[in-house]
Amino acid sequence: MKILVRNLERNVTEDELNTLFKTYGKIESCVIVTDAATGKSKGFGFVEMPNPREAIKAIKALNTMKLKGTGIRVKAADEPKKA
């Protein structure tokens, strides 16, 4: 399951995000989206967890949690529509 993590402080690293989510289960990937020109964080990222139960548990536990002083928003990512 792909999870969207928003409202991240710009200095949060992929390692920190990975550590936060691995408490709830196996992680396939963890990416913080960066600006192509500057390489700086855009304040959101994606975490992929193969087990939907673990992913839902992580979403429920981490949504609105404070990370580096800012409340993060965590939800299931919308799947792209197929043509």
Protein backbone atom coordinates (compact mmCIF):
# COMPACT_ATOMS: atom_id res chain seq x y z
CA MET A 1 0.00 0.00 0.00
CA LYS A 2 1.31 3.43 -0.93
CA ILE A 3 1.08 6.04 1.84
CA LEU A 4 1.24 9.81 1.39
CA VAL A 5 2.98 11.75 4.16
CA ARG A 6 2.38 15.53 4.05
CA ASN A 7 3.30 18.58 6.11
CA LEU A 8 6.88 17.45 6.69
CA GLU A 9 9.46 19.90 7.97
CA ARG A 10 11.89 20.60 5.12
CA ASN A 11 14.81 19.07 7.06
CA VAL A 12 13.19 15.65 7.69
CA THR A 13 15.27 12.92 6.00
CA GLU A 14 14.20 9.71 4.29
CA ASP A 15 16.06 7.79 7.03
CA GLU A 16 13.98 9.51 9.73
CA LEU A 17 10.75 8.76 7.85
CA ASN A 18 11.84 5.16 7.31
CA THR A 19 12.62 4.74 11.02
CA LEU A 20 9.22 6.18 11.95
CA PHE A 21 7.29 3.74 9.73
CA LYS A 22 9.35 0.57 10.22
CA THR A 23 8.00 0.40 13.78
CA TYR A 24 4.73 -0.74 12.17
CA GLY A 25 6.07 -3.26 9.67
CA LYS A 26 8.06 -3.94 6.51
CA ILE A 27 8.79 -1.03 4.18
CA GLU A 28 9.35 -1.48 0.43
CA SER A 29 10.35 2.13 -0.26
CA CYS A 30 10.50 5.54 1.33
CA VAL A 31 10.94 8.72 -0.72
CA ILE A 32 10.78 12.41 0.15
CA VAL A 33 9.85 14.47 -2.92
CA THR A 34 12.40 17.15 -3.75
CA ASP A 35 12.44 20.17 -6.03
CA ALA A 36 14.30 19.33 -9.25
CA ALA A 37 16.05 22.71 -9.42
CA THR A 38 17.13 23.12 -5.79
CA GLY A 39 17.15 19.55 -4.49
CA LYS A 40 15.28 20.74 -1.37
CA SER A 41 12.35 18.88 0.15
CA LYS A 42 8.87 19.88 -1.02
CA GLY A 43 7.47 18.90 2.40
CA PHE A 44 5.88 15.59 1.45
CA GLY A 45 6.83 12.05 0.61
CA PHE A 46 5.64 8.49 0.02
CA VAL A 47 6.14 5.27 1.95
CA GLU A 48 5.24 1.89 0.46
CA MET A 49 4.36 -0.98 2.78
CA PRO A 50 3.55 -4.41 1.25
CA ASN A 51 1.23 -5.51 4.07
CA PRO A 52 -2.06 -3.52 4.02
CA ARG A 53 -2.80 -4.28 7.69
CA GLU A 54 0.55 -2.88 8.79
CA ALA A 55 0.08 0.14 6.52
CA ILE A 56 -3.35 0.94 7.98
CA LYS A 57 -1.96 0.58 11.49
CA ALA A 58 0.85 3.02 10.63
CA ILE A 59 -1.59 5.52 9.07
CA LYS A 60 -3.84 5.48 12.13
CA ALA A 61 -0.94 5.80 14.56
CA LEU A 62 1.07 8.46 12.74
CA ASN A 63 -1.59 10.79 11.30
CA THR A 64 -1.38 14.17 13.12
CA MET A 65 1.69 13.03 15.10
CA LYS A 66 4.24 15.78 15.74
CA LEU A 67 7.54 15.24 13.95
CA LYS A 68 10.18 17.90 14.62
CA GLY A 69 7.45 20.14 16.06
CA THR A 70 5.04 19.93 13.12
CA GLY A 71 1.91 17.76 12.92
CA ILE A 72 2.28 15.46 9.92
CA ARG A 73 -0.64 14.23 7.80
CA VAL A 74 -0.63 10.56 6.83
CA LYS A 75 -3.13 8.84 4.52
CA ALA A 76 -3.38 6.20 1.84
CA ALA A 77 -2.13 7.62 -1.45
CA ASP A 78 -4.67 7.83 -4.27
CA GLU A 79 -3.91 5.28 -6.94
CA PRO A 80 -3.57 6.74 -10.46
CA LYS A 81 -6.62 6.22 -12.63
CA LYS A 82 -6.20 3.73 -15.47
CA ALA A 83 -7.25 4.82 -18.94
